[in-house]
């Protein structure tokens, strides 16, 4: 079985807030995250890789939607 992280652990690992991770999932920036039997989000390595991609400067320069994504990341950091 693949190791997964809770939303709190994924937030800490990524430097974003749990609120930002939930928002990105609702907005479609992240694929729907898998859930455990209790319905709690469980972040896999692929989810963390996507989060890292969305928060890298190279992505912001390559994709016209990058500044909005970056702005969302910055707002999420302020809400921690």
N, C-alpha and C. Protein backbone atom coordinates (compact mmCIF):
# COMPACT_ATOMS: atom_id res chain seq x y z
N UNK A 1 0.84 -1.20 0.00
CA UNK A 1 0.00 0.00 0.00
C UNK A 1 0.87 1.24 0.00
N UNK A 2 0.50 2.21 -0.80
CA UNK A 2 1.26 3.47 -0.92
C UNK A 2 1.01 4.34 0.31
N UNK A 3 2.08 4.95 0.82
CA UNK A 3 1.95 5.87 1.94
C UNK A 3 1.26 7.14 1.48
N UNK A 4 0.35 7.64 2.28
CA UNK A 4 -0.37 8.87 1.96
C UNK A 4 -0.28 9.82 3.14
N UNK A 5 -0.60 11.08 2.88
CA UNK A 5 -0.54 12.12 3.91
C UNK A 5 -1.94 12.67 4.17
N UNK A 6 -2.17 13.09 5.39
CA UNK A 6 -3.41 13.81 5.70
C UNK A 6 -3.31 15.20 5.08
N UNK A 7 -4.40 15.93 5.11
CA UNK A 7 -4.38 17.28 4.56
C UNK A 7 -3.44 18.16 5.38
N UNK A 8 -3.39 17.97 6.68
CA UNK A 8 -2.48 18.76 7.52
C UNK A 8 -1.03 18.47 7.17
N UNK A 9 -0.72 17.19 6.96
CA UNK A 9 0.65 16.81 6.59
C UNK A 9 1.01 17.34 5.20
N UNK A 10 0.06 17.25 4.25
CA UNK A 10 0.31 17.75 2.90
C UNK A 10 0.49 19.27 2.92
N UNK A 11 -0.29 19.96 3.75
CA UNK A 11 -0.15 21.41 3.87
C UNK A 11 1.22 21.76 4.41
N UNK A 12 1.65 21.07 5.43
CA UNK A 12 2.97 21.35 6.00
C UNK A 12 4.07 21.04 4.99
N UNK A 13 3.95 19.94 4.30
CA UNK A 13 4.95 19.53 3.31
C UNK A 13 5.06 20.55 2.17
N UNK A 14 3.91 21.10 1.75
CA UNK A 14 3.88 22.01 0.60
C UNK A 14 4.09 23.47 0.98
N UNK A 15 3.91 23.80 2.24
CA UNK A 15 4.00 25.20 2.66
C UNK A 15 2.72 25.98 2.39
N UNK A 16 1.66 25.29 2.01
CA UNK A 16 0.36 25.92 1.76
C UNK A 16 -0.56 25.61 2.93
N UNK A 17 -1.69 26.28 2.97
CA UNK A 17 -2.67 25.99 4.02
C UNK A 17 -3.60 24.87 3.56
N UNK A 18 -4.24 24.22 4.51
CA UNK A 18 -5.23 23.20 4.18
C UNK A 18 -6.36 23.83 3.38
N UNK A 19 -6.73 25.05 3.73
CA UNK A 19 -7.77 25.77 3.00
C UNK A 19 -7.40 25.90 1.52
N UNK A 20 -6.15 26.26 1.23
CA UNK A 20 -5.70 26.40 -0.16
C UNK A 20 -5.78 25.07 -0.89
N UNK A 21 -5.37 23.99 -0.24
CA UNK A 21 -5.42 22.68 -0.89
C UNK A 21 -6.87 22.30 -1.21
N UNK A 22 -7.79 22.55 -0.29
CA UNK A 22 -9.20 22.26 -0.56
C UNK A 22 -9.72 23.12 -1.71
N UNK A 23 -9.35 24.40 -1.69
CA UNK A 23 -9.78 25.31 -2.77
C UNK A 23 -9.25 24.85 -4.12
N UNK A 24 -7.97 24.50 -4.19
CA UNK A 24 -7.39 24.06 -5.46
C UNK A 24 -8.10 22.82 -5.98
N UNK A 25 -8.50 21.92 -5.08
CA UNK A 25 -9.23 20.74 -5.51
C UNK A 25 -10.60 21.15 -6.07
N UNK A 26 -11.34 22.02 -5.37
CA UNK A 26 -12.65 22.49 -5.85
C UNK A 26 -12.53 23.23 -7.18
N UNK A 27 -11.45 24.01 -7.33
CA UNK A 27 -11.26 24.80 -8.54
C UNK A 27 -10.76 23.97 -9.72
N UNK A 28 -10.38 22.73 -9.48
CA UNK A 28 -9.93 21.86 -10.56
C UNK A 28 -8.44 21.92 -10.84
N UNK A 29 -7.70 22.64 -9.99
CA UNK A 29 -6.24 22.68 -10.17
C UNK A 29 -5.61 21.36 -9.75
N UNK A 30 -6.25 20.67 -8.83
CA UNK A 30 -5.83 19.34 -8.41
C UNK A 30 -6.94 18.36 -8.77
N UNK A 31 -6.56 17.16 -9.17
CA UNK A 31 -7.55 16.11 -9.37
C UNK A 31 -8.19 15.81 -8.02
N UNK A 32 -9.41 15.28 -8.01
CA UNK A 32 -10.00 14.91 -6.72
C UNK A 32 -9.06 13.99 -5.95
N UNK A 33 -8.82 14.35 -4.71
CA UNK A 33 -7.89 13.61 -3.86
C UNK A 33 -8.61 12.40 -3.29
N UNK A 34 -7.88 11.28 -3.18
CA UNK A 34 -8.51 10.08 -2.63
C UNK A 34 -8.88 10.31 -1.17
N UNK A 35 -9.80 9.51 -0.70
CA UNK A 35 -10.31 9.65 0.67
C UNK A 35 -10.25 8.30 1.37
N UNK A 36 -10.09 8.36 2.68
CA UNK A 36 -10.11 7.11 3.45
C UNK A 36 -11.56 6.74 3.77
N UNK A 37 -11.75 5.69 4.52
CA UNK A 37 -13.10 5.22 4.84
C UNK A 37 -13.94 6.23 5.59
N UNK A 38 -13.30 7.15 6.29
CA UNK A 38 -14.02 8.19 7.03
C UNK A 38 -14.30 9.42 6.17
N UNK A 39 -13.81 9.42 4.92
CA UNK A 39 -14.02 10.56 4.04
C UNK A 39 -12.95 11.62 4.12
N UNK A 40 -11.91 11.39 4.91
CA UNK A 40 -10.82 12.36 5.02
C UNK A 40 -9.87 12.24 3.83
N UNK A 41 -9.43 13.38 3.34
CA UNK A 41 -8.51 13.40 2.21
C UNK A 41 -7.20 12.71 2.57
N UNK A 42 -6.66 11.97 1.58
CA UNK A 42 -5.35 11.33 1.72
C UNK A 42 -4.55 11.67 0.47
N UNK A 43 -3.46 12.41 0.65
CA UNK A 43 -2.64 12.90 -0.46
C UNK A 43 -1.54 11.90 -0.78
N UNK A 44 -1.50 11.48 -2.05
CA UNK A 44 -0.48 10.55 -2.54
C UNK A 44 0.70 11.35 -3.10
N UNK A 45 1.76 10.66 -3.42
CA UNK A 45 2.95 11.30 -3.98
C UNK A 45 2.61 12.08 -5.25
N UNK A 46 1.74 11.54 -6.09
CA UNK A 46 1.35 12.23 -7.32
C UNK A 46 0.67 13.57 -7.02
N UNK A 47 -0.14 13.60 -5.96
CA UNK A 47 -0.80 14.85 -5.57
C UNK A 47 0.24 15.88 -5.13
N UNK A 48 1.22 15.45 -4.36
CA UNK A 48 2.26 16.36 -3.90
C UNK A 48 3.11 16.87 -5.06
N UNK A 49 3.35 16.01 -6.04
CA UNK A 49 4.10 16.44 -7.23
C UNK A 49 3.33 17.51 -7.99
N UNK A 50 2.03 17.36 -8.12
CA UNK A 50 1.21 18.37 -8.81
C UNK A 50 1.23 19.69 -8.03
N UNK A 51 1.12 19.62 -6.72
CA UNK A 51 1.18 20.83 -5.89
C UNK A 51 2.52 21.52 -6.08
N UNK A 52 3.58 20.75 -6.07
CA UNK A 52 4.91 21.32 -6.26
C UNK A 52 5.01 21.98 -7.64
N UNK A 53 4.47 21.32 -8.66
CA UNK A 53 4.48 21.88 -10.01
C UNK A 53 3.76 23.22 -10.05
N UNK A 54 2.59 23.29 -9.41
CA UNK A 54 1.79 24.51 -9.42
C UNK A 54 2.46 25.67 -8.68
N UNK A 55 3.34 25.36 -7.77
CA UNK A 55 3.96 26.41 -6.96
C UNK A 55 5.38 26.77 -7.41
N UNK A 56 5.86 26.15 -8.49
CA UNK A 56 7.21 26.46 -8.96
C UNK A 56 7.21 27.68 -9.86
N UNK A 57 8.23 28.52 -9.76
CA UNK A 57 8.33 29.72 -10.62
C UNK A 57 8.33 29.38 -12.11
N UNK A 58 8.93 28.27 -12.49
CA UNK A 58 8.99 27.89 -13.90
C UNK A 58 7.58 27.71 -14.45
N UNK A 59 6.70 27.11 -13.68
CA UNK A 59 5.31 26.92 -14.11
C UNK A 59 4.63 28.27 -14.30
N UNK A 60 4.84 29.19 -13.40
CA UNK A 60 4.19 30.50 -13.48
C UNK A 60 4.60 31.22 -14.76
N UNK A 61 5.84 31.07 -15.20
CA UNK A 61 6.32 31.74 -16.40
C UNK A 61 5.87 31.03 -17.67
N UNK A 62 5.59 29.74 -17.60
CA UNK A 62 5.27 28.96 -18.79
C UNK A 62 3.78 28.95 -19.10
N UNK A 63 2.94 29.20 -18.10
CA UNK A 63 1.51 29.04 -18.27
C UNK A 63 0.82 30.36 -17.99
N UNK A 64 -0.01 30.83 -18.95
CA UNK A 64 -0.70 32.11 -18.72
C UNK A 64 -1.55 32.13 -17.46
N UNK A 65 -2.03 30.96 -17.00
CA UNK A 65 -2.82 30.93 -15.77
C UNK A 65 -1.93 30.94 -14.54
N UNK A 66 -0.62 30.89 -14.74
CA UNK A 66 0.32 30.83 -13.62
C UNK A 66 0.17 31.93 -12.59
N UNK A 67 0.07 33.19 -12.98
CA UNK A 67 -0.04 34.23 -11.96
C UNK A 67 -1.23 34.05 -11.04
N UNK A 68 -2.37 33.56 -11.57
CA UNK A 68 -3.51 33.32 -10.71
C UNK A 68 -3.22 32.18 -9.75
N UNK A 69 -2.59 31.13 -10.25
CA UNK A 69 -2.24 30.00 -9.40
C UNK A 69 -1.27 30.47 -8.33
N UNK A 70 -0.27 31.24 -8.74
CA UNK A 70 0.71 31.74 -7.79
C UNK A 70 0.03 32.63 -6.76
N UNK A 71 -0.88 33.48 -7.21
CA UNK A 71 -1.60 34.35 -6.29
C UNK A 71 -2.40 33.55 -5.29
N UNK A 72 -3.02 32.46 -5.75
CA UNK A 72 -3.77 31.60 -4.83
C UNK A 72 -2.83 30.98 -3.81
N UNK A 73 -1.64 30.59 -4.25
CA UNK A 73 -0.67 30.01 -3.32
C UNK A 73 -0.26 31.03 -2.27
N UNK A 74 -0.03 32.26 -2.69
CA UNK A 74 0.37 33.30 -1.75
C UNK A 74 -0.74 33.61 -0.76
N UNK A 75 -1.98 33.68 -1.25
CA UNK A 75 -3.10 33.93 -0.34
C UNK A 75 -3.23 32.79 0.66
N UNK A 76 -3.02 31.57 0.19
CA UNK A 76 -3.09 30.41 1.09
C UNK A 76 -2.04 30.45 2.17
N UNK A 77 -0.85 30.91 1.83
CA UNK A 77 0.22 31.00 2.81
C UNK A 77 -0.12 32.03 3.89
N UNK A 78 -0.81 33.10 3.51
CA UNK A 78 -1.17 34.13 4.48
C UNK A 78 -2.24 33.65 5.44
N UNK A 79 -3.04 32.63 5.05
CA UNK A 79 -4.13 32.15 5.88
C UNK A 79 -3.71 31.05 6.85
N UNK A 80 -2.45 30.71 6.87
CA UNK A 80 -2.01 29.62 7.74
C UNK A 80 -2.07 30.03 9.19
